[in-house]
Amino acid sequence: MPPQTAERPLPAIAAQAACFFLISINDVILKIIVAEMPSWQIMAIRSGFSLMMLMPFVAWQMARGSGTIATRRPVAHLFRACLSAVSIFAYFEALRELDLPVATAILFVTPFFVVALSGIALGEKVTANRWIAVAIGFAGALVIIRPGPAGVSIAALLALLSAATWGAAMVAMRNLARTEGTLSVILYFNLFICLIAGAMALPGWQPVPARTIGILAIIAVIQLSAQFFMMTAFRFASASVVAPVQYSQLLWSVLAGWLVFSVIPGPNVFLGAAVIVASGLYLILSERRAS
């Protein structure tokens, strides 16, 4: 798919919805796996499998001589991968302690980091309505986290860090999508994640059971599919339009938490998520009026 920047919101929303459905499946599996292996090692192996699966497509593009995997922006790819590595590691560590719906709900502040950063990094117009939505979204996140006299749990702070760095990575992806091909973005993402995570995991590398290897291979397939849909979404629409679709993930996380882990979120999680979703809907309606 050639790089493009034309706004096509409906295909973008559909692609992003598919992406977060796959991410929800991925999170269920990861919630189980993080109890067995270090987070960096999971990231390294998963990205390694992704690279192996990408090789036939890379070979095909090279045989065609299309040049779609070539890049003049290696630093931009590395920057995005570093942001993503921090985000993924923080999320994996948060999953060790938090119930899946709670971790997912905290990540709902990601679109507001995207809105805040898209104006600075991409030159996209950030209106007063968008800043109002950002403020309301953070208020919803505070309802979920419930800071008290004892402070905020480390796991909740890690989930919040994951949201902030993932939001920055999404903005970086939108920037890359302006000039880079889909295969190029996915290839360099997995290459750099594999190198970063592998370097971090190497000193404490643990033997991996065959069953876990198979599960990580399945996760790699899911991850690649989610990356493809996310890249497609960011080609068709601006970051601030695509980001709120992440709210669909709460439905899948609540269902998975109930069916797989027998966990029902507390009232504060639903209330906070409702506030965040309401702020997102407010943002969408205000954008429609403005257009």
Protein backbone atom coordinates (compact mmCIF):
# COMPACT_ATOMS: atom_id res chain seq x y z
CA MET A 1 0.00 0.00 0.00
CA PRO A 2 1.60 3.30 -0.97
CA PRO A 3 1.94 6.01 1.63
CA GLN A 4 -0.96 8.43 1.76
CA THR A 5 -2.40 11.10 4.00
CA ALA A 6 -5.94 11.60 2.61
CA GLU A 7 -8.63 11.48 5.28
CA ARG A 8 -10.90 8.42 5.03
CA PRO A 9 -12.40 8.15 8.55
CA LEU A 10 -14.75 5.17 8.10
CA PRO A 11 -12.10 2.69 6.81
CA ALA A 12 -9.73 4.04 9.48
CA ILE A 13 -12.23 3.42 12.27
CA ALA A 14 -12.98 -0.11 11.00
CA ALA A 15 -9.28 -0.95 10.80
CA GLN A 16 -8.60 0.42 14.29
CA ALA A 17 -11.55 -1.53 15.73
CA ALA A 18 -10.13 -4.75 14.24
CA CYS A 19 -6.73 -3.83 15.67
CA PHE A 20 -8.01 -3.47 19.23
CA PHE A 21 -10.07 -6.64 19.04
CA LEU A 22 -6.86 -8.51 18.22
CA ILE A 23 -4.98 -6.62 20.94
CA SER A 24 -7.60 -7.76 23.46
CA ILE A 25 -6.99 -11.39 22.50
CA ASN A 26 -3.26 -10.73 22.74
CA ASP A 27 -3.64 -9.27 26.25
CA VAL A 28 -5.52 -12.30 27.54
CA ILE A 29 -2.69 -14.59 26.45
CA LEU A 30 -0.04 -12.21 27.80
CA LYS A 31 -1.77 -11.98 31.17
CA ILE A 32 -1.11 -15.72 31.49
CA ILE A 33 2.42 -15.72 30.01
CA VAL A 34 3.84 -12.85 32.11
CA ALA A 35 3.50 -15.05 35.19
CA GLU A 36 5.97 -17.52 33.62
CA MET A 37 8.63 -15.39 31.90
CA PRO A 38 10.43 -12.02 32.17
CA SER A 39 8.78 -9.26 30.16
CA TRP A 40 11.86 -8.39 28.06
CA GLN A 41 12.26 -12.03 27.06
CA ILE A 42 8.63 -12.27 25.96
CA MET A 43 9.07 -9.13 23.85
CA ALA A 44 12.29 -10.40 22.26
CA ILE A 45 10.90 -13.82 21.33
CA ARG A 46 7.60 -12.44 20.08
CA SER A 47 9.33 -9.88 17.86
CA GLY A 48 11.76 -12.55 16.66
CA PHE A 49 8.85 -14.68 15.49
CA SER A 50 7.31 -11.63 13.83
CA LEU A 51 10.52 -11.01 11.91
CA MET A 52 10.60 -14.61 10.71
CA MET A 53 7.01 -14.31 9.48
CA LEU A 54 7.82 -11.07 7.68
CA MET A 55 10.77 -12.50 5.77
CA PRO A 56 8.72 -13.98 2.86
CA PHE A 57 7.10 -10.58 2.29
CA VAL A 58 10.49 -8.87 2.49
CA ALA A 59 11.97 -11.34 -0.02
CA TRP A 60 9.01 -10.81 -2.34
CA GLN A 61 9.40 -7.03 -2.24
CA MET A 62 13.14 -7.29 -2.84
CA ALA A 63 12.57 -9.63 -5.80
CA ARG A 64 10.15 -7.09 -7.28
CA GLY A 65 12.68 -4.33 -6.73
CA SER A 66 9.93 -2.06 -5.46
CA GLY A 67 12.06 -0.57 -2.72
CA THR A 68 9.15 -0.41 -0.24
CA ILE A 69 11.29 -1.73 2.62
CA ALA A 70 14.05 0.82 2.06
CA THR A 71 14.06 3.78 4.44
CA ARG A 72 15.80 7.10 4.75
CA ARG A 73 14.46 7.54 8.29
CA PRO A 74 16.14 4.87 10.46
CA VAL A 75 16.35 7.25 13.41
CA ALA A 76 12.59 7.86 13.29
CA HIS A 77 11.97 4.10 13.24
CA LEU A 78 14.34 3.62 16.18
CA PHE A 79 12.71 6.46 18.13
CA ARG A 80 9.26 4.93 17.68
CA ALA A 81 10.60 1.50 18.69
CA CYS A 82 12.18 2.90 21.86
CA LEU A 83 8.90 4.54 22.88
CA SER A 84 7.04 1.31 22.14
CA ALA A 85 9.57 -0.81 24.03
CA VAL A 86 9.07 1.28 27.17
CA SER A 87 5.29 1.14 26.73
CA ILE A 88 5.14 -2.62 26.16
CA PHE A 89 7.49 -3.41 29.05
CA ALA A 90 5.54 -1.15 31.44
CA TYR A 91 2.26 -2.74 30.37
CA PHE A 92 3.57 -6.29 30.80
CA GLU A 93 4.77 -5.44 34.29
CA ALA A 94 1.42 -3.80 35.13
CA LEU A 95 -0.41 -6.94 33.96
CA ARG A 96 1.37 -8.95 36.65
CA GLU A 97 -0.61 -7.11 39.34
CA LEU A 98 -3.66 -5.50 37.72
CA ASP A 99 -6.82 -7.22 36.54
CA LEU A 100 -7.13 -7.07 32.77
CA PRO A 101 -10.15 -4.69 32.66
CA VAL A 102 -8.41 -2.28 35.08
CA ALA A 103 -5.20 -2.21 33.01
CA THR A 104 -7.24 -1.72 29.85
CA ALA A 105 -9.28 1.10 31.37
CA ILE A 106 -6.15 2.99 32.47
CA LEU A 107 -4.80 2.68 28.93
CA PHE A 108 -7.88 4.57 27.77
CA VAL A 109 -6.00 7.80 28.48
CA THR A 110 -3.74 6.98 25.50
CA PRO A 111 -5.92 8.90 22.99
CA PHE A 112 -5.57 12.03 25.10
CA PHE A 113 -1.79 11.82 25.01
CA VAL A 114 -2.18 11.41 21.25
CA VAL A 115 -4.34 14.54 21.02
CA ALA A 116 -1.92 16.54 23.16
CA LEU A 117 1.16 15.42 21.25
CA SER A 118 -0.26 15.46 17.72
CA GLY A 119 -0.36 19.24 17.69
CA ILE A 120 3.23 19.53 18.89
CA ALA A 121 4.82 16.77 16.82
CA LEU A 122 2.65 16.63 13.70
CA GLY A 123 1.39 20.16 13.39
CA GLU A 124 -2.23 18.95 13.58
CA LYS A 125 -4.68 21.53 14.89
CA VAL A 126 -5.51 20.93 18.56
CA THR A 127 -8.66 22.90 19.41
CA ALA A 128 -10.01 23.97 22.79
CA ASN A 129 -12.56 21.13 22.59
CA ARG A 130 -9.73 18.63 22.30
CA TRP A 131 -8.01 20.03 25.38
CA ILE A 132 -11.32 19.86 27.30
CA ALA A 133 -11.63 16.20 26.30
CA VAL A 134 -8.05 15.59 27.48
CA ALA A 135 -8.82 17.09 30.91
CA ILE A 136 -12.03 15.05 31.31
CA GLY A 137 -10.22 11.89 30.22
CA PHE A 138 -7.53 12.32 32.85
CA ALA A 139 -10.22 12.85 35.48
CA GLY A 140 -11.71 9.49 34.46
CA ALA A 141 -8.32 7.86 34.77
CA LEU A 142 -7.98 9.21 38.32
CA VAL A 143 -11.34 7.63 39.20
CA ILE A 144 -10.00 4.25 38.06
CA ILE A 145 -6.60 4.61 39.74
CA ARG A 146 -8.13 5.95 42.98
CA PRO A 147 -5.13 7.79 44.47
CA GLY A 148 -5.41 7.91 48.25
CA PRO A 149 -3.33 8.68 51.37
CA ALA A 150 -1.10 5.70 50.59
CA GLY A 151 -0.48 6.99 47.07
CA VAL A 152 -0.96 5.14 43.80
CA SER A 153 0.07 1.53 43.23
CA ILE A 154 3.22 0.92 41.21
CA ALA A 155 1.22 -1.24 38.80
CA ALA A 156 -1.23 1.59 38.12
CA LEU A 157 1.63 4.02 37.54
CA LEU A 158 3.23 1.56 35.13
CA ALA A 159 -0.05 1.31 33.21
CA LEU A 160 -0.21 5.11 33.06
CA LEU A 161 3.41 5.24 31.83
CA SER A 162 2.50 2.67 29.20
CA ALA A 163 -0.40 4.86 28.04
CA ALA A 164 1.79 7.96 27.78
CA THR A 165 4.59 6.29 25.83
CA TRP A 166 2.15 4.38 23.62
CA GLY A 167 0.41 7.64 22.79
CA ALA A 168 3.76 9.13 21.80
CA ALA A 169 4.52 6.02 19.73
CA MET A 170 1.18 6.34 17.91
CA VAL A 171 2.00 9.93 17.00
CA ALA A 172 5.43 8.78 15.79
CA MET A 173 3.70 6.09 13.70
CA ARG A 174 1.41 8.65 12.10
CA ASN A 175 4.48 10.68 11.22
CA LEU A 176 6.21 7.64 9.68
CA ALA A 177 3.07 6.68 7.75
CA ARG A 178 3.37 9.93 5.80
CA THR A 179 6.51 8.73 4.00
CA GLU A 180 7.08 5.03 4.74
CA GLY A 181 5.40 1.91 3.38
CA THR A 182 3.39 -0.41 5.63
CA LEU A 183 5.90 -3.27 5.37
CA SER A 184 8.78 -0.93 6.10
CA VAL A 185 7.16 0.41 9.30
CA ILE A 186 6.25 -3.05 10.59
CA LEU A 187 9.63 -4.56 9.66
CA TYR A 188 11.78 -1.93 11.38
CA PHE A 189 9.49 -1.82 14.39
CA ASN A 190 9.92 -5.54 15.04
CA LEU A 191 13.63 -5.46 14.21
CA PHE A 192 14.39 -2.70 16.69
CA ILE A 193 12.08 -4.12 19.37
CA CYS A 194 13.79 -7.50 19.00
CA LEU A 195 17.24 -5.90 19.37
CA ILE A 196 16.26 -3.68 22.31
CA ALA A 197 14.36 -6.38 24.20
CA GLY A 198 16.97 -9.02 23.39
CA ALA A 199 19.75 -6.86 24.81
CA MET A 200 17.74 -6.24 27.98
CA ALA A 201 16.72 -9.90 28.37
CA LEU A 202 20.07 -11.52 27.61
CA PRO A 203 21.68 -11.23 31.09
CA GLY A 204 18.77 -13.06 32.76
CA TRP A 205 17.64 -15.29 29.88
CA GLN A 206 15.59 -18.29 31.03
CA PRO A 207 14.90 -21.64 29.28
CA VAL A 208 11.60 -21.52 27.39
CA PRO A 209 9.27 -24.60 27.39
CA ALA A 210 8.07 -25.81 23.98
CA ARG A 211 4.45 -24.98 24.94
CA THR A 212 5.39 -21.39 25.64
CA ILE A 213 7.28 -21.13 22.36
CA GLY A 214 4.11 -22.17 20.52
CA ILE A 215 2.02 -19.63 22.42
CA LEU A 216 4.51 -16.85 21.64
CA ALA A 217 4.37 -17.78 17.96
CA ILE A 218 0.57 -17.39 18.06
CA ILE A 219 0.98 -14.03 19.81
CA ALA A 220 3.37 -12.94 17.05
CA VAL A 221 0.72 -13.67 14.40
CA ILE A 222 -1.86 -11.68 16.36
CA GLN A 223 0.60 -8.83 16.89
CA LEU A 224 1.50 -8.60 13.21
CA SER A 225 -2.16 -8.57 12.21
CA ALA A 226 -2.90 -5.82 14.77
CA GLN A 227 0.07 -3.77 13.51
CA PHE A 228 -1.20 -4.05 9.94
CA PHE A 229 -4.67 -2.82 10.88
CA MET A 230 -3.23 0.01 12.99
CA MET A 231 -0.95 1.12 10.16
CA THR A 232 -3.92 1.05 7.79
CA ALA A 233 -5.97 3.17 10.19
CA PHE A 234 -3.24 5.78 10.55
CA ARG A 235 -2.86 6.03 6.78
CA PHE A 236 -6.55 6.79 6.35
CA ALA A 237 -7.08 9.35 9.14
CA SER A 238 -5.32 11.67 11.56
CA ALA A 239 -4.14 10.46 14.94
CA SER A 240 -6.82 12.35 16.89
CA VAL A 241 -9.61 10.76 14.78
CA VAL A 242 -8.34 7.19 15.03
CA ALA A 243 -7.29 7.12 18.69
CA PRO A 244 -10.76 7.12 20.39
CA VAL A 245 -11.63 3.78 18.74
CA GLN A 246 -9.51 2.23 21.47
CA TYR A 247 -12.58 2.44 23.74
CA SER A 248 -14.01 -0.67 22.07
CA GLN A 249 -11.28 -2.62 23.84
CA LEU A 250 -13.03 -2.28 27.21
CA LEU A 251 -15.90 -4.52 26.10
CA TRP A 252 -13.53 -7.31 25.09
CA SER A 253 -11.40 -6.91 28.23
CA VAL A 254 -14.39 -7.09 30.56
CA LEU A 255 -15.69 -10.20 28.77
CA ALA A 256 -12.25 -11.82 28.87
CA GLY A 257 -11.76 -10.92 32.53
CA TRP A 258 -15.08 -12.53 33.37
CA LEU A 259 -14.84 -15.63 31.14
CA VAL A 260 -11.13 -16.39 31.49
CA PHE A 261 -10.09 -14.96 34.87
CA SER A 262 -13.47 -14.84 36.69
CA VAL A 263 -12.94 -11.15 37.51
CA ILE A 264 -15.62 -8.46 37.49
CA PRO A 265 -14.30 -4.87 37.67
CA GLY A 266 -15.31 -2.68 40.59
CA PRO A 267 -17.75 0.24 40.22
CA ASN A 268 -14.90 2.78 40.07
CA VAL A 269 -13.53 1.08 36.94
CA PHE A 270 -16.87 1.31 35.14
CA LEU A 271 -17.41 4.89 36.34
CA GLY A 272 -13.93 6.02 35.30
CA ALA A 273 -14.21 4.26 31.95
CA ALA A 274 -17.61 5.89 31.39
CA VAL A 275 -16.10 9.33 32.05
CA ILE A 276 -13.24 8.65 29.62
CA VAL A 277 -15.58 7.30 26.93
CA ALA A 278 -17.89 10.29 27.42
CA SER A 279 -14.96 12.63 26.89
CA GLY A 280 -14.06 10.76 23.72
CA LEU A 281 -17.61 11.00 22.41
CA TYR A 282 -17.64 14.69 23.25
CA LEU A 283 -14.45 15.06 21.20
CA ILE A 284 -15.94 13.21 18.23
CA LEU A 285 -19.17 15.26 18.27
CA SER A 286 -17.27 18.55 18.58
CA GLU A 287 -15.04 17.55 15.66
CA ARG A 288 -18.10 16.81 13.54
CA ARG A 289 -19.63 20.21 14.32
CA ALA A 290 -16.36 21.93 13.49
CA SER A 291 -16.15 20.17 10.13
